[in-house]
Amino acid sequence: MKVNNILPFDNSLLQITISLRQVEDISKEIVTKAQVTGNNEIIWALKALTLIDLTTLSGDDTRANVQRLCLRAAHPFPSSLLETMVDATLHKQLHVAAVCVYPARVKDAYETFEQLKCVDDISIAAVATGFPSGQYSLKTRLEEITYAIACGAREIDIVINRQLALTKQWEALYEEVCQMRVTCGEKAHMKTILAVGELGSMENVYKAAMVCMMAGADFIKTSTGKETVNATLPVGLVMIWAIREFKGKTNQIVGLKPAGGVRTVREAISWMILVKETLGVESLQPSLFRFGASGLLDDIDKVVRKSSLCKS
């Protein structure tokens, strides 16, 4: 989303009244409509692979950790394993969408991708703006964005200041996110992390999502992965409703990123079905949908290897 598309703050977009139970029932009904079995599971698993932001956000991250992450991001499977799964011409396309690291590790990722000759194929995302709490001065948070971009990040996962949402200071939240959007400029896509597990209600999730989209977010993201409750299908559905409402009012399309807690192929498939049934199959592409995950690729690997053994 371009900076000049930032919208004026509009309270009329912030209205939603629905109970948690209702959202849970609706999301369950949507996901259970579709059954995925057999070879279809492999197809969905490989699709999920291409939508992953492969993530390491640990206090003990080192250059070596990031190098290993990037190598796996670019080459998730041995070529021999894929020979029985997909056409050889598709092997190079089977990589994750991005790696996601702390700003201090962006340079490590960039240099590794340069060595692997895939710097233009896999994005580098950096969590910024005082991740995971957001409890830093605005000046410091904006400087962190600038630093990450200078090091090679093409995507910035900002985290909102939850106290502004919890105290209903929506215009203040809007102004902060606008400044982050301006700082990202045209150099980096901006994903806004709502930290849904700390927002207190579905109403706050919906309103925070709307405010961030009005301020110019390219994606809205569920969680930092550090909260007690992270990505769940009901909260994803509420964010999808916000995306649809925003598109209806502005004709602008914003992406969705569930993060935290999506660890298995079955869980990933449920999310993809939810998106397909509500936003359309065209939304299942890296420009509009991502998984923030560190462990999902492990389960995709298990599913692919199991299928390969069955065909041997």
Protein backbone atom coordinates (compact mmCIF):
# COMPACT_ATOMS: atom_id res chain seq x y z
CA MET A 1 0.00 0.00 0.00
CA LYS A 2 1.44 3.36 -1.01
CA VAL A 3 1.94 6.13 1.52
CA ASN A 4 -0.33 8.48 -0.43
CA ASN A 5 -3.22 6.04 0.04
CA ILE A 6 -3.36 6.67 3.81
CA LEU A 7 -6.93 7.43 4.75
CA PRO A 8 -8.34 9.98 7.17
CA PHE A 9 -9.48 8.48 10.47
CA ASP A 10 -13.08 7.33 10.22
CA ASN A 11 -14.98 6.09 13.29
CA SER A 12 -17.76 4.71 11.09
CA LEU A 13 -15.52 1.76 10.17
CA LEU A 14 -15.04 0.64 13.76
CA GLN A 15 -18.41 -0.93 14.51
CA ILE A 16 -18.83 -4.63 15.37
CA THR A 17 -21.04 -6.43 17.89
CA ILE A 18 -20.66 -10.20 18.17
CA SER A 19 -19.95 -12.68 20.93
CA LEU A 20 -16.93 -14.97 21.15
CA ARG A 21 -19.21 -18.01 21.04
CA GLN A 22 -20.82 -16.82 17.81
CA VAL A 23 -17.42 -16.30 16.17
CA GLU A 24 -16.22 -19.71 17.32
CA ASP A 25 -19.32 -21.42 15.90
CA ILE A 26 -19.08 -19.61 12.55
CA SER A 27 -15.37 -20.29 12.09
CA LYS A 28 -15.82 -23.97 12.96
CA GLU A 29 -18.66 -24.30 10.46
CA ILE A 30 -16.58 -22.72 7.67
CA VAL A 31 -13.52 -24.88 8.26
CA THR A 32 -15.41 -28.18 8.56
CA LYS A 33 -17.09 -27.69 5.18
CA ALA A 34 -13.98 -28.84 3.33
CA GLN A 35 -12.26 -32.18 3.81
CA VAL A 36 -8.63 -32.58 2.74
CA THR A 37 -7.21 -36.10 2.51
CA GLY A 38 -4.72 -38.22 0.62
CA ASN A 39 -2.70 -36.58 -2.14
CA ASN A 40 -4.61 -33.35 -1.60
CA GLU A 41 -2.97 -33.04 1.81
CA ILE A 42 0.46 -32.98 0.14
CA ILE A 43 -0.67 -30.29 -2.28
CA TRP A 44 -1.98 -28.15 0.56
CA ALA A 45 1.16 -28.79 2.62
CA LEU A 46 3.43 -27.62 -0.20
CA LYS A 47 1.19 -24.60 -0.71
CA ALA A 48 1.52 -23.77 2.98
CA LEU A 49 5.30 -23.98 2.61
CA THR A 50 5.28 -21.14 0.07
CA LEU A 51 3.28 -18.95 2.49
CA ILE A 52 5.59 -19.24 5.50
CA ASP A 53 7.55 -16.44 7.11
CA LEU A 54 10.16 -18.76 8.63
CA THR A 55 10.93 -17.19 11.97
CA THR A 56 13.58 -17.08 14.66
CA LEU A 57 13.02 -14.55 17.43
CA SER A 58 15.05 -15.89 20.32
CA GLY A 59 17.30 -14.05 22.71
CA ASP A 60 20.17 -16.37 21.77
CA ASP A 61 19.94 -15.84 18.00
CA THR A 62 23.37 -15.66 16.39
CA ARG A 63 24.70 -15.18 12.86
CA ALA A 64 25.08 -18.97 12.57
CA ASN A 65 21.44 -19.53 13.61
CA VAL A 66 20.24 -17.10 10.98
CA GLN A 67 22.44 -18.66 8.30
CA ARG A 68 20.92 -22.08 9.00
CA LEU A 69 17.42 -20.57 8.94
CA CYS A 70 18.07 -18.94 5.55
CA LEU A 71 19.55 -22.12 4.06
CA ARG A 72 16.48 -24.07 5.11
CA ALA A 73 14.20 -21.29 3.84
CA ALA A 74 15.76 -21.50 0.39
CA HIS A 75 16.17 -25.31 0.25
CA PRO A 76 13.58 -26.91 2.56
CA PHE A 77 13.93 -30.38 1.01
CA PRO A 78 16.64 -32.35 -0.79
CA SER A 79 16.02 -32.43 -4.54
CA SER A 80 15.92 -36.22 -4.41
CA LEU A 81 12.95 -36.10 -2.06
CA LEU A 82 10.99 -33.82 -4.38
CA GLU A 83 11.56 -35.87 -7.52
CA THR A 84 8.62 -38.13 -6.73
CA MET A 85 6.45 -35.22 -5.56
CA VAL A 86 6.56 -32.45 -8.16
CA ASP A 87 7.89 -31.67 -11.60
CA ALA A 88 11.58 -30.75 -11.62
CA THR A 89 10.78 -27.30 -13.03
CA LEU A 90 8.89 -26.49 -9.81
CA HIS A 91 11.72 -27.35 -7.42
CA LYS A 92 13.14 -23.83 -7.38
CA GLN A 93 9.71 -22.41 -6.55
CA LEU A 94 9.37 -24.52 -3.41
CA HIS A 95 10.76 -22.17 -0.83
CA VAL A 96 9.26 -20.08 1.95
CA ALA A 97 7.95 -16.57 1.35
CA ALA A 98 10.24 -14.83 3.83
CA VAL A 99 12.43 -15.17 6.87
CA CYS A 100 11.56 -13.07 9.91
CA VAL A 101 14.28 -11.98 12.35
CA TYR A 102 15.20 -9.22 14.77
CA PRO A 103 16.58 -6.02 13.18
CA ALA A 104 20.05 -6.84 14.53
CA ARG A 105 20.06 -10.06 12.49
CA VAL A 106 18.76 -8.64 9.18
CA LYS A 107 22.25 -8.06 7.79
CA ASP A 108 23.14 -11.70 8.51
CA ALA A 109 20.07 -12.85 6.56
CA TYR A 110 20.75 -10.50 3.66
CA GLU A 111 24.37 -11.59 3.29
CA THR A 112 23.36 -15.26 3.46
CA PHE A 113 20.74 -14.84 0.76
CA GLU A 114 23.29 -13.03 -1.39
CA GLN A 115 25.59 -16.04 -1.09
CA LEU A 116 22.71 -18.36 -1.93
CA LYS A 117 21.75 -16.13 -4.89
CA CYS A 118 18.13 -15.85 -3.74
CA VAL A 119 18.02 -12.35 -2.27
CA ASP A 120 15.34 -11.41 -4.81
CA ASP A 121 13.29 -14.58 -4.28
CA ILE A 122 12.81 -14.66 -0.50
CA SER A 123 11.93 -11.56 1.47
CA ILE A 124 13.57 -10.53 4.72
CA ALA A 125 11.13 -9.37 7.37
CA ALA A 126 12.17 -7.70 10.60
CA VAL A 127 10.14 -7.29 13.76
CA ALA A 128 10.52 -3.69 14.84
CA THR A 129 8.97 -0.92 16.98
CA GLY A 130 9.88 -2.40 20.35
CA PHE A 131 8.91 -6.00 19.68
CA PRO A 132 7.22 -7.72 21.43
CA SER A 133 5.83 -5.19 23.94
CA GLY A 134 5.72 -1.97 21.91
CA GLN A 135 6.45 -0.14 25.16
CA TYR A 136 9.17 2.17 23.87
CA SER A 137 9.24 5.82 22.82
CA LEU A 138 7.86 6.47 19.35
CA LYS A 139 11.18 7.98 18.30
CA THR A 140 13.03 4.79 19.22
CA ARG A 141 10.48 2.61 17.44
CA LEU A 142 10.72 4.64 14.23
CA GLU A 143 14.52 4.54 14.34
CA GLU A 144 14.35 0.76 14.62
CA ILE A 145 12.33 0.62 11.39
CA THR A 146 14.86 2.81 9.60
CA TYR A 147 17.75 0.66 10.82
CA ALA A 148 16.13 -2.61 9.72
CA ILE A 149 15.43 -1.27 6.23
CA ALA A 150 18.98 0.04 5.90
CA CYS A 151 20.25 -3.47 6.73
CA GLY A 152 18.17 -5.05 3.97
CA ALA A 153 14.66 -5.70 5.30
CA ARG A 154 11.91 -5.48 2.71
CA GLU A 155 9.11 -6.14 5.18
CA ILE A 156 8.63 -4.63 8.62
CA ASP A 157 6.43 -6.35 11.20
CA ILE A 158 5.54 -3.54 13.57
CA VAL A 159 3.83 -4.16 16.90
CA ILE A 160 1.12 -1.80 18.06
CA ASN A 161 1.06 -0.13 21.45
CA ARG A 162 -1.66 -2.20 23.13
CA GLN A 163 -2.33 0.35 25.86
CA LEU A 164 -3.76 2.69 23.22
CA ALA A 165 -6.22 0.00 22.10
CA LEU A 166 -7.13 -1.05 25.64
CA THR A 167 -7.87 2.56 26.64
CA LYS A 168 -9.82 3.22 23.42
CA GLN A 169 -7.34 5.83 22.16
CA TRP A 170 -8.01 4.90 18.55
CA GLU A 171 -6.96 8.18 16.98
CA ALA A 172 -3.66 8.11 18.89
CA LEU A 173 -3.06 4.55 17.66
CA TYR A 174 -3.90 5.64 14.13
CA GLU A 175 -1.41 8.52 14.29
CA GLU A 176 1.36 6.24 15.57
CA VAL A 177 0.83 3.65 12.87
CA CYS A 178 0.67 6.40 10.24
CA GLN A 179 4.15 7.54 11.28
CA MET A 180 5.40 3.96 11.04
CA ARG A 181 3.88 3.70 7.56
CA VAL A 182 5.65 6.87 6.48
CA THR A 183 8.93 5.55 7.88
CA CYS A 184 8.54 2.31 5.93
CA GLY A 185 7.80 4.37 2.83
CA GLU A 186 8.06 2.54 -0.47
CA LYS A 187 11.09 0.54 0.68
CA ALA A 188 9.25 -1.97 2.87
CA HIS A 189 5.83 -3.54 3.23
CA MET A 190 4.35 -3.01 6.68
CA LYS A 191 2.64 -5.75 8.68
CA THR A 192 0.93 -4.59 11.88
CA ILE A 193 0.96 -7.05 14.78
CA LEU A 194 -2.19 -6.64 16.87
CA ALA A 195 -1.12 -9.00 19.71
CA VAL A 196 -4.71 -10.25 19.86
CA GLY A 197 -4.15 -12.21 23.07
CA GLU A 198 -3.65 -8.93 24.91
CA LEU A 199 -6.50 -6.89 23.40
CA GLY A 200 -9.21 -8.20 25.71
CA SER A 201 -12.14 -8.59 23.30
CA MET A 202 -13.12 -9.36 19.72
CA GLU A 203 -14.40 -5.78 19.46
CA ASN A 204 -10.92 -4.46 20.24
CA VAL A 205 -9.38 -6.86 17.72
CA TYR A 206 -11.74 -5.63 15.00
CA LYS A 207 -11.18 -1.96 15.81
CA ALA A 208 -7.40 -2.30 16.07
CA ALA A 209 -7.37 -4.10 12.71
CA MET A 210 -9.43 -1.35 11.11
CA VAL A 211 -7.30 1.44 12.55
CA CYS A 212 -4.10 -0.20 11.30
CA MET A 213 -5.53 -0.66 7.80
CA MET A 214 -6.71 2.94 7.72
CA ALA A 215 -3.18 3.98 8.68
CA GLY A 216 -1.70 2.14 5.69
CA ALA A 217 -0.90 -1.43 6.80
CA ASP A 218 -0.17 -3.88 3.98
CA PHE A 219 -0.94 -6.82 6.31
CA ILE A 220 -2.62 -7.28 9.65
CA LYS A 221 -0.97 -9.95 11.81
CA THR A 222 -2.47 -11.74 14.80
CA SER A 223 0.35 -12.06 17.28
CA THR A 224 3.96 -11.69 18.28
CA GLY A 225 4.04 -15.35 19.25
CA LYS A 226 4.99 -14.29 22.76
CA GLU A 227 1.46 -13.90 24.16
CA THR A 228 -0.37 -16.58 26.12
CA VAL A 229 -2.99 -16.76 23.34
CA ASN A 230 -1.85 -16.29 19.76
CA ALA A 231 -3.41 -17.15 16.40
CA THR A 232 -6.84 -18.80 16.64
CA LEU A 233 -9.39 -19.33 13.89
CA PRO A 234 -12.13 -17.22 15.59
CA VAL A 235 -9.85 -14.21 15.93
CA GLY A 236 -8.70 -14.78 12.35
CA LEU A 237 -12.31 -14.66 11.19
CA VAL A 238 -12.85 -11.32 12.95
CA MET A 239 -9.76 -9.93 11.23
CA ILE A 240 -11.06 -11.27 7.90
CA TRP A 241 -14.36 -9.47 8.46
CA ALA A 242 -12.39 -6.28 9.03
CA ILE A 243 -10.40 -6.87 5.81
CA ARG A 244 -13.63 -7.39 3.86
CA GLU A 245 -15.27 -4.30 5.35
CA PHE A 246 -12.20 -2.22 4.60
CA LYS A 247 -12.06 -3.47 1.02
CA GLY A 248 -15.75 -2.69 0.56
CA LYS A 249 -15.26 0.88 1.77
CA THR A 250 -11.94 1.65 0.07
CA ASN A 251 -11.36 -0.95 -2.67
CA GLN A 252 -7.97 -1.64 -1.05
CA ILE A 253 -6.89 -5.20 -0.29
CA VAL A 254 -4.91 -5.95 2.88
CA GLY A 255 -3.19 -9.23 3.68
CA LEU A 256 -3.57 -11.50 6.72
CA LYS A 257 -0.82 -13.18 8.75
CA PRO A 258 -1.65 -15.65 11.54
CA ALA A 259 1.41 -16.05 13.76
CA GLY A 260 2.06 -18.09 16.86
CA GLY A 261 0.58 -21.53 17.41
CA VAL A 262 0.31 -22.75 13.79
CA ARG A 263 2.57 -25.78 14.03
CA THR A 264 0.99 -28.57 12.00
CA VAL A 265 -0.11 -29.11 8.42
CA ARG A 266 -3.66 -29.75 9.59
CA GLU A 267 -3.73 -26.43 11.43
CA ALA A 268 -2.32 -24.66 8.38
CA ILE A 269 -4.92 -26.27 6.14
CA SER A 270 -7.70 -25.06 8.44
CA TRP A 271 -6.40 -21.51 8.10
CA MET A 272 -6.13 -21.79 4.33
CA ILE A 273 -9.67 -23.14 4.08
CA LEU A 274 -10.92 -20.25 6.23
CA VAL A 275 -9.23 -17.74 3.93
CA LYS A 276 -10.35 -19.50 0.74
CA GLU A 277 -13.99 -19.63 1.87
CA THR A 278 -14.13 -16.00 3.06
CA LEU A 279 -11.64 -13.99 1.00
CA GLY A 280 -11.36 -16.22 -2.05
CA VAL A 281 -8.70 -18.55 -3.40
CA GLU A 282 -6.91 -15.56 -4.93
CA SER A 283 -5.92 -14.53 -1.41
CA LEU A 284 -3.85 -17.69 -0.94
CA GLN A 285 -0.67 -16.14 -2.28
CA PRO A 286 2.33 -14.65 -0.47
CA SER A 287 1.33 -11.07 -1.26
CA LEU A 288 -1.92 -11.51 0.71
CA PHE A 289 -1.46 -14.37 3.18
CA ARG A 290 1.42 -15.59 5.35
CA PHE A 291 2.04 -17.92 8.25
CA GLY A 292 4.41 -16.62 10.91
CA ALA A 293 5.95 -19.89 12.06
CA SER A 294 9.10 -21.54 13.29
CA GLY A 295 7.83 -25.12 13.67
CA LEU A 296 5.32 -25.53 10.80
CA LEU A 297 8.04 -26.43 8.32
CA ASP A 298 9.03 -29.40 10.51
CA ASP A 299 5.56 -30.91 10.16
CA ILE A 300 5.44 -30.17 6.42
CA ASP A 301 8.72 -32.07 6.14
CA LYS A 302 7.19 -35.06 7.98
CA VAL A 303 4.12 -35.10 5.73
CA VAL A 304 6.19 -34.86 2.54
CA ARG A 305 8.63 -37.59 3.63
CA LYS A 306 5.79 -39.88 4.66
CA SER A 307 4.15 -39.45 1.27
CA SER A 308 7.45 -40.07 -0.49
CA LEU A 309 7.93 -43.34 1.41
CA CYS A 310 4.41 -44.47 0.56
CA LYS A 311 5.14 -43.96 -3.15
CA SER A 312 8.47 -45.80 -3.02
